[in-house]
Amino acid sequence: MRRNCKTLGYKYDKNFAILAGDFILSIAIKNLLEINNSKVFEIFQNCVQKMTEAELKQLSLRNTTPKEEDYLEICKNKTALLCCFLF
């Protein structure tokens, strides 16, 4: 569950959720290529990299209680990172 809703992984399975995410990512990349702006593509690449690094860090801390600074860094570099580009 996430934000009181069933996730794709919960509703179907983990593999379905991963493939759905890959599909959405491929659509985003296609749209970026159509914009044809290297600065926008660079920002997008940086976001994906930071989000992936945060996911890997979260995975490495699984089954532990993370330090507050690690937890905040993970939150900042996952979905919170995308909010920076909305304003």
N, C-alpha and C. Protein backbone atom coordinates (compact mmCIF):
# COMPACT_ATOMS: atom_id res chain seq x y z
N MET A 1 0.85 -1.18 0.00
CA MET A 1 0.00 0.00 0.00
C MET A 1 0.89 1.24 0.00
N ARG A 2 0.45 2.26 -0.71
CA ARG A 2 1.15 3.55 -0.74
C ARG A 2 0.09 4.64 -0.79
N ARG A 3 0.17 5.55 0.17
CA ARG A 3 -0.81 6.64 0.28
C ARG A 3 -2.23 6.08 0.28
N ASN A 4 -2.40 5.01 1.01
CA ASN A 4 -3.69 4.36 1.21
C ASN A 4 -4.29 3.74 -0.06
N CYS A 5 -3.46 3.49 -1.07
CA CYS A 5 -3.90 2.84 -2.30
C CYS A 5 -3.05 1.60 -2.55
N LYS A 6 -3.65 0.62 -3.19
CA LYS A 6 -2.90 -0.58 -3.54
C LYS A 6 -1.90 -0.24 -4.65
N THR A 7 -0.66 -0.68 -4.49
CA THR A 7 0.35 -0.48 -5.52
C THR A 7 0.20 -1.55 -6.60
N LEU A 8 0.85 -1.32 -7.75
CA LEU A 8 0.82 -2.34 -8.80
C LEU A 8 1.46 -3.64 -8.32
N GLY A 9 2.54 -3.50 -7.56
CA GLY A 9 3.21 -4.68 -7.03
C GLY A 9 2.32 -5.48 -6.09
N TYR A 10 1.50 -4.77 -5.34
CA TYR A 10 0.57 -5.42 -4.42
C TYR A 10 -0.59 -6.04 -5.19
N LYS A 11 -1.12 -5.26 -6.14
CA LYS A 11 -2.30 -5.70 -6.88
C LYS A 11 -1.98 -6.84 -7.85
N TYR A 12 -0.82 -6.77 -8.50
CA TYR A 12 -0.41 -7.79 -9.46
C TYR A 12 0.80 -8.54 -8.91
N ASP A 13 1.99 -8.09 -9.28
CA ASP A 13 3.21 -8.62 -8.68
C ASP A 13 4.36 -7.67 -8.95
N LYS A 14 5.49 -7.95 -8.32
CA LYS A 14 6.67 -7.07 -8.40
C LYS A 14 7.15 -6.92 -9.83
N ASN A 15 7.19 -8.00 -10.58
CA ASN A 15 7.69 -7.95 -11.96
C ASN A 15 6.81 -7.08 -12.85
N PHE A 16 5.49 -7.16 -12.66
CA PHE A 16 4.57 -6.32 -13.43
C PHE A 16 4.84 -4.85 -13.12
N ALA A 17 5.02 -4.53 -11.86
CA ALA A 17 5.27 -3.14 -11.46
C ALA A 17 6.57 -2.62 -12.06
N ILE A 18 7.60 -3.44 -12.08
CA ILE A 18 8.89 -3.03 -12.66
C ILE A 18 8.74 -2.79 -14.16
N LEU A 19 8.07 -3.68 -14.86
CA LEU A 19 7.88 -3.50 -16.30
C LEU A 19 7.02 -2.28 -16.61
N ALA A 20 6.02 -2.02 -15.79
CA ALA A 20 5.18 -0.83 -16.00
C ALA A 20 6.03 0.44 -15.82
N GLY A 21 6.91 0.44 -14.83
CA GLY A 21 7.80 1.57 -14.62
C GLY A 21 8.76 1.75 -15.78
N ASP A 22 9.29 0.66 -16.30
CA ASP A 22 10.17 0.72 -17.47
C ASP A 22 9.43 1.29 -18.68
N PHE A 23 8.18 0.89 -18.85
CA PHE A 23 7.38 1.38 -19.97
C PHE A 23 7.16 2.89 -19.85
N ILE A 24 6.81 3.34 -18.66
CA ILE A 24 6.60 4.78 -18.44
C ILE A 24 7.90 5.55 -18.68
N LEU A 25 9.02 5.00 -18.24
CA LEU A 25 10.32 5.63 -18.47
C LEU A 25 10.61 5.74 -19.97
N SER A 26 10.29 4.70 -20.72
CA SER A 26 10.54 4.74 -22.17
C SER A 26 9.69 5.82 -22.85
N ILE A 27 8.47 6.02 -22.39
CA ILE A 27 7.61 7.08 -22.94
C ILE A 27 8.19 8.45 -22.60
N ALA A 28 8.68 8.61 -21.38
CA ALA A 28 9.28 9.89 -20.98
C ALA A 28 10.50 10.20 -21.84
N ILE A 29 11.34 9.20 -22.07
CA ILE A 29 12.54 9.41 -22.90
C ILE A 29 12.14 9.78 -24.33
N LYS A 30 11.13 9.10 -24.86
CA LYS A 30 10.65 9.41 -26.22
C LYS A 30 10.18 10.86 -26.28
N ASN A 31 9.41 11.30 -25.29
CA ASN A 31 8.92 12.68 -25.27
C ASN A 31 10.07 13.68 -25.15
N LEU A 32 11.08 13.34 -24.37
CA LEU A 32 12.24 14.22 -24.25
C LEU A 32 12.99 14.34 -25.57
N LEU A 33 13.11 13.25 -26.28
CA LEU A 33 13.78 13.28 -27.57
C LEU A 33 13.02 14.15 -28.57
N GLU A 34 11.70 14.15 -28.46
CA GLU A 34 10.89 14.99 -29.34
C GLU A 34 11.08 16.48 -29.02
N ILE A 35 11.31 16.79 -27.75
CA ILE A 35 11.57 18.18 -27.35
C ILE A 35 12.90 18.64 -27.94
N ASN A 36 13.85 17.71 -28.00
CA ASN A 36 15.16 17.97 -28.60
C ASN A 36 15.89 19.13 -27.93
N ASN A 37 15.93 19.07 -26.59
CA ASN A 37 16.63 20.10 -25.82
C ASN A 37 17.61 19.37 -24.90
N SER A 38 18.89 19.50 -25.15
CA SER A 38 19.88 18.74 -24.40
C SER A 38 19.90 19.12 -22.92
N LYS A 39 19.60 20.37 -22.58
CA LYS A 39 19.59 20.78 -21.17
C LYS A 39 18.45 20.07 -20.41
N VAL A 40 17.28 19.98 -21.04
CA VAL A 40 16.15 19.29 -20.42
C VAL A 40 16.50 17.81 -20.24
N PHE A 41 17.11 17.21 -21.25
CA PHE A 41 17.49 15.80 -21.17
C PHE A 41 18.53 15.59 -20.07
N GLU A 42 19.46 16.53 -19.92
CA GLU A 42 20.47 16.44 -18.86
C GLU A 42 19.83 16.50 -17.48
N ILE A 43 18.86 17.38 -17.30
CA ILE A 43 18.14 17.48 -16.02
C ILE A 43 17.42 16.17 -15.72
N PHE A 44 16.76 15.62 -16.74
CA PHE A 44 16.05 14.36 -16.58
C PHE A 44 17.01 13.23 -16.20
N GLN A 45 18.12 13.14 -16.89
CA GLN A 45 19.12 12.11 -16.61
C GLN A 45 19.62 12.23 -15.19
N ASN A 46 19.88 13.45 -14.74
CA ASN A 46 20.36 13.68 -13.38
C ASN A 46 19.32 13.23 -12.35
N CYS A 47 18.06 13.53 -12.63
CA CYS A 47 16.98 13.08 -11.73
C CYS A 47 16.93 11.56 -11.62
N VAL A 48 16.96 10.90 -12.77
CA VAL A 48 16.90 9.43 -12.79
C VAL A 48 18.09 8.84 -12.03
N GLN A 49 19.26 9.42 -12.25
CA GLN A 49 20.45 8.93 -11.56
C GLN A 49 20.32 9.09 -10.05
N LYS A 50 19.92 10.27 -9.59
CA LYS A 50 19.79 10.50 -8.14
C LYS A 50 18.72 9.61 -7.52
N MET A 51 17.60 9.44 -8.23
CA MET A 51 16.54 8.58 -7.72
C MET A 51 17.01 7.13 -7.62
N THR A 52 17.75 6.68 -8.61
CA THR A 52 18.27 5.31 -8.60
C THR A 52 19.28 5.12 -7.48
N GLU A 53 20.16 6.09 -7.30
CA GLU A 53 21.13 6.02 -6.20
C GLU A 53 20.41 5.96 -4.86
N ALA A 54 19.35 6.75 -4.71
CA ALA A 54 18.59 6.73 -3.45
C ALA A 54 17.91 5.38 -3.23
N GLU A 55 17.39 4.80 -4.30
CA GLU A 55 16.77 3.48 -4.18
C GLU A 55 17.81 2.43 -3.77
N LEU A 56 19.00 2.51 -4.37
CA LEU A 56 20.07 1.57 -4.00
C LEU A 56 20.49 1.76 -2.55
N LYS A 57 20.59 3.01 -2.11
CA LYS A 57 20.95 3.26 -0.71
C LYS A 57 19.88 2.72 0.22
N GLN A 58 18.61 2.94 -0.13
CA GLN A 58 17.52 2.43 0.69
C GLN A 58 17.59 0.90 0.76
N LEU A 59 17.86 0.28 -0.37
CA LEU A 59 17.97 -1.18 -0.41
C LEU A 59 19.13 -1.66 0.45
N SER A 60 20.25 -0.93 0.42
CA SER A 60 21.41 -1.34 1.22
C SER A 60 21.16 -1.20 2.71
N LEU A 61 20.21 -0.34 3.09
CA LEU A 61 19.89 -0.13 4.51
C LEU A 61 18.69 -0.95 4.97
N ARG A 62 18.18 -1.80 4.07
CA ARG A 62 17.03 -2.63 4.43
C ARG A 62 17.36 -3.46 5.65
N ASN A 63 16.37 -3.67 6.48
CA ASN A 63 16.49 -4.43 7.73
C ASN A 63 17.36 -3.73 8.77
N THR A 64 17.57 -2.44 8.61
CA THR A 64 18.28 -1.65 9.61
C THR A 64 17.45 -0.40 9.90
N THR A 65 17.79 0.28 10.95
CA THR A 65 17.19 1.58 11.22
C THR A 65 18.18 2.63 10.72
N PRO A 66 17.82 3.33 9.63
CA PRO A 66 18.78 4.29 9.07
C PRO A 66 18.97 5.49 9.98
N LYS A 67 20.14 6.09 9.87
CA LYS A 67 20.38 7.35 10.57
C LYS A 67 19.46 8.40 9.96
N GLU A 68 19.13 9.41 10.74
CA GLU A 68 18.21 10.44 10.26
C GLU A 68 18.71 11.10 8.97
N GLU A 69 20.01 11.39 8.90
CA GLU A 69 20.54 12.05 7.69
C GLU A 69 20.44 11.14 6.46
N ASP A 70 20.61 9.83 6.66
CA ASP A 70 20.46 8.89 5.54
C ASP A 70 19.00 8.85 5.08
N TYR A 71 18.08 8.80 6.04
CA TYR A 71 16.66 8.77 5.71
C TYR A 71 16.25 10.03 4.94
N LEU A 72 16.69 11.20 5.42
CA LEU A 72 16.34 12.45 4.76
C LEU A 72 16.95 12.55 3.36
N GLU A 73 18.17 12.04 3.20
CA GLU A 73 18.82 12.05 1.89
C GLU A 73 18.05 11.16 0.92
N ILE A 74 17.64 10.00 1.39
CA ILE A 74 16.87 9.08 0.55
C ILE A 74 15.56 9.74 0.12
N CYS A 75 14.85 10.34 1.07
CA CYS A 75 13.58 11.01 0.74
C CYS A 75 13.79 12.14 -0.26
N LYS A 76 14.82 12.94 -0.03
CA LYS A 76 15.10 14.09 -0.90
C LYS A 76 15.39 13.63 -2.33
N ASN A 77 16.10 12.54 -2.47
CA ASN A 77 16.54 12.12 -3.80
C ASN A 77 15.59 11.14 -4.49
N LYS A 78 14.47 10.87 -3.85
CA LYS A 78 13.49 10.03 -4.54
C LYS A 78 12.40 10.95 -5.08
N THR A 79 11.17 10.76 -4.75
CA THR A 79 10.10 11.56 -5.35
C THR A 79 10.17 13.03 -5.00
N ALA A 80 10.73 13.39 -3.86
CA ALA A 80 10.84 14.80 -3.50
C ALA A 80 11.70 15.56 -4.50
N LEU A 81 12.66 14.87 -5.11
CA LEU A 81 13.53 15.50 -6.11
C LEU A 81 12.74 16.03 -7.29
N LEU A 82 11.69 15.32 -7.68
CA LEU A 82 10.90 15.75 -8.83
C LEU A 82 10.15 17.05 -8.56
N CYS A 83 9.81 17.31 -7.33
CA CYS A 83 9.08 18.55 -6.99
C CYS A 83 9.92 19.79 -7.30
N CYS A 84 11.23 19.68 -7.27
CA CYS A 84 12.10 20.82 -7.56
C CYS A 84 11.87 21.35 -8.96
N PHE A 85 11.42 20.51 -9.87
CA PHE A 85 11.29 20.91 -11.27
C PHE A 85 9.88 21.36 -11.62
N LEU A 86 9.00 21.39 -10.62
CA LEU A 86 7.64 21.83 -10.88
C LEU A 86 7.50 23.34 -10.75
N PHE A 87 8.44 23.97 -10.06
CA PHE A 87 8.32 25.41 -9.79
C PHE A 87 9.44 26.19 -10.42
